[in-house]
């Protein structure tokens, strides 16, 4: 699964806008907009989601799931688990 935040971050890393991603994936701009507006995991038609993930992969993006190691080389960013609050 891909989250809306991952989609937005992937576009930012690539320096592309929603229109470019839509063209590369063969989906409409409103589809990308809806996906990126999803809370948490992207919701949508599985075929469209697959096209977007494949397009991001072809553009050089590695999507990393929770608790999964990165298997590729290159730079990237990843969200850390928030540190537990310190007790007093």
C-alpha atoms as a PDB file:
ATOM      1  CA  UNK A   1       0.000   0.000   0.000  1.00  0.00           C
ATOM      2  CA  UNK A   2       1.031   3.591  -0.535  1.00  0.00           C
ATOM      3  CA  UNK A   3      -0.025   6.499   1.628  1.00  0.00           C
ATOM      4  CA  UNK A   4      -1.084   9.909   0.383  1.00  0.00           C
ATOM      5  CA  UNK A   5       1.932  11.390   2.162  1.00  0.00           C
ATOM      6  CA  UNK A   6       4.245   8.967   0.311  1.00  0.00           C
ATOM      7  CA  UNK A   7       2.726  10.026  -3.009  1.00  0.00           C
ATOM      8  CA  UNK A   8       3.222  13.704  -2.269  1.00  0.00           C
ATOM      9  CA  UNK A   9       6.759  13.084  -1.001  1.00  0.00           C
ATOM     10  CA  UNK A  10       7.612  10.998  -4.072  1.00  0.00           C
ATOM     11  CA  UNK A  11       6.472  13.799  -6.364  1.00  0.00           C
ATOM     12  CA  UNK A  12       8.488  16.309  -4.353  1.00  0.00           C
ATOM     13  CA  UNK A  13      11.631  14.141  -4.586  1.00  0.00           C
ATOM     14  CA  UNK A  14      11.146  13.856  -8.337  1.00  0.00           C
ATOM     15  CA  UNK A  15      10.310  17.544  -8.712  1.00  0.00           C
ATOM     16  CA  UNK A  16       7.138  16.807 -10.669  1.00  0.00           C
ATOM     17  CA  UNK A  17       3.589  18.102 -10.378  1.00  0.00           C
ATOM     18  CA  UNK A  18       0.321  16.168 -10.273  1.00  0.00           C
ATOM     19  CA  UNK A  19      -0.198  16.610 -14.012  1.00  0.00           C
ATOM     20  CA  UNK A  20       3.156  15.025 -14.845  1.00  0.00           C
ATOM     21  CA  UNK A  21       2.529  12.070 -12.534  1.00  0.00           C
ATOM     22  CA  UNK A  22      -0.926  11.600 -14.048  1.00  0.00           C
ATOM     23  CA  UNK A  23       0.566  11.583 -17.560  1.00  0.00           C
ATOM     24  CA  UNK A  24       3.322   9.118 -16.596  1.00  0.00           C
ATOM     25  CA  UNK A  25       0.786   6.815 -14.919  1.00  0.00           C
ATOM     26  CA  UNK A  26      -1.894   7.103 -17.591  1.00  0.00           C
ATOM     27  CA  UNK A  27      -4.545   8.345 -15.168  1.00  0.00           C
ATOM     28  CA  UNK A  28      -6.380  11.656 -14.839  1.00  0.00           C
ATOM     29  CA  UNK A  29      -5.242  14.606 -12.737  1.00  0.00           C
ATOM     30  CA  UNK A  30      -8.435  14.393 -10.602  1.00  0.00           C
ATOM     31  CA  UNK A  31      -7.505  10.762  -9.849  1.00  0.00           C
ATOM     32  CA  UNK A  32      -4.102  11.875  -8.534  1.00  0.00           C
ATOM     33  CA  UNK A  33      -5.772  14.684  -6.566  1.00  0.00           C
ATOM     34  CA  UNK A  34      -8.236  12.256  -4.958  1.00  0.00           C
ATOM     35  CA  UNK A  35      -5.469   9.793  -4.116  1.00  0.00           C
ATOM     36  CA  UNK A  36      -3.327  12.476  -2.518  1.00  0.00           C
ATOM     37  CA  UNK A  37      -6.296  13.750  -0.505  1.00  0.00           C
ATOM     38  CA  UNK A  38      -6.925  10.314   1.027  1.00  0.00           C
ATOM     39  CA  UNK A  39      -6.421  10.065   4.771  1.00  0.00           C
ATOM     40  CA  UNK A  40      -3.731   7.457   5.427  1.00  0.00           C
ATOM     41  CA  UNK A  41      -3.508   4.763   2.760  1.00  0.00           C
ATOM     42  CA  UNK A  42      -4.483   5.863  -0.733  1.00  0.00           C
ATOM     43  CA  UNK A  43      -7.972   4.836  -1.714  1.00  0.00           C
ATOM     44  CA  UNK A  44      -9.104   4.302  -5.242  1.00  0.00           C
ATOM     45  CA  UNK A  45      -9.476   1.828  -8.055  1.00  0.00           C
ATOM     46  CA  UNK A  46      -6.813  -0.866  -7.739  1.00  0.00           C
ATOM     47  CA  UNK A  47      -5.913  -0.589 -11.433  1.00  0.00           C
ATOM     48  CA  UNK A  48      -5.290   3.158 -11.134  1.00  0.00           C
ATOM     49  CA  UNK A  49      -3.294   2.724  -7.935  1.00  0.00           C
ATOM     50  CA  UNK A  50      -1.169   0.044  -9.602  1.00  0.00           C
ATOM     51  CA  UNK A  51      -0.471   2.363 -12.538  1.00  0.00           C
ATOM     52  CA  UNK A  52       0.670   5.137 -10.197  1.00  0.00           C
ATOM     53  CA  UNK A  53       2.927   2.830  -8.174  1.00  0.00           C
ATOM     54  CA  UNK A  54       4.452   1.417 -11.381  1.00  0.00           C
ATOM     55  CA  UNK A  55       5.006   4.924 -12.757  1.00  0.00           C
ATOM     56  CA  UNK A  56       6.742   6.019  -9.547  1.00  0.00           C
ATOM     57  CA  UNK A  57       8.910   2.895  -9.671  1.00  0.00           C
ATOM     58  CA  UNK A  58       9.859   3.601 -13.296  1.00  0.00           C
ATOM     59  CA  UNK A  59      10.785   7.158 -12.285  1.00  0.00           C
ATOM     60  CA  UNK A  60      13.149   5.823  -9.595  1.00  0.00           C
ATOM     61  CA  UNK A  61      11.039   5.875  -6.442  1.00  0.00           C
ATOM     62  CA  UNK A  62      11.273   3.021  -3.925  1.00  0.00           C
ATOM     63  CA  UNK A  63       8.184   2.840  -1.722  1.00  0.00           C
ATOM     64  CA  UNK A  64       9.090   1.512   1.720  1.00  0.00           C
ATOM     65  CA  UNK A  65       6.404   0.008   3.914  1.00  0.00           C
ATOM     66  CA  UNK A  66       6.221   0.120   7.710  1.00  0.00           C
ATOM     67  CA  UNK A  67       9.010  -1.863   9.377  1.00  0.00           C
ATOM     68  CA  UNK A  68      10.470  -2.830   5.996  1.00  0.00           C
ATOM     69  CA  UNK A  69      14.125  -2.407   5.094  1.00  0.00           C
ATOM     70  CA  UNK A  70      15.125  -0.465   2.018  1.00  0.00           C
ATOM     71  CA  UNK A  71      16.386  -2.870  -0.647  1.00  0.00           C
ATOM     72  CA  UNK A  72      17.805  -0.336  -3.079  1.00  0.00           C
ATOM     73  CA  UNK A  73      20.707   2.049  -3.087  1.00  0.00           C
ATOM     74  CA  UNK A  74      20.338   5.800  -3.252  1.00  0.00           C
ATOM     75  CA  UNK A  75      19.191   8.623  -1.105  1.00  0.00           C
ATOM     76  CA  UNK A  76      15.779   8.930   0.436  1.00  0.00           C
ATOM     77  CA  UNK A  77      13.736   9.914   3.425  1.00  0.00           C
ATOM     78  CA  UNK A  78      11.716   7.924   5.863  1.00  0.00           C
ATOM     79  CA  UNK A  79       9.470   8.808   8.781  1.00  0.00           C
ATOM     80  CA  UNK A  80      10.672   7.559  12.149  1.00  0.00           C
ATOM     81  CA  UNK A  81       8.444   6.309  14.904  1.00  0.00           C
ATOM     82  CA  UNK A  82       7.903   9.190  17.312  1.00  0.00           C
ATOM     83  CA  UNK A  83      10.018   8.852  20.455  1.00  0.00           C
ATOM     84  CA  UNK A  84       8.032   7.882  23.528  1.00  0.00           C
ATOM     85  CA  UNK A  85       7.384  10.805  25.876  1.00  0.00           C
ATOM     86  CA  UNK A  86       9.932  11.150  28.643  1.00  0.00           C
ATOM     87  CA  UNK A  87       8.619  10.491  32.110  1.00  0.00           C
ATOM     88  CA  UNK A  88       9.092  13.029  34.846  1.00  0.00           C
END
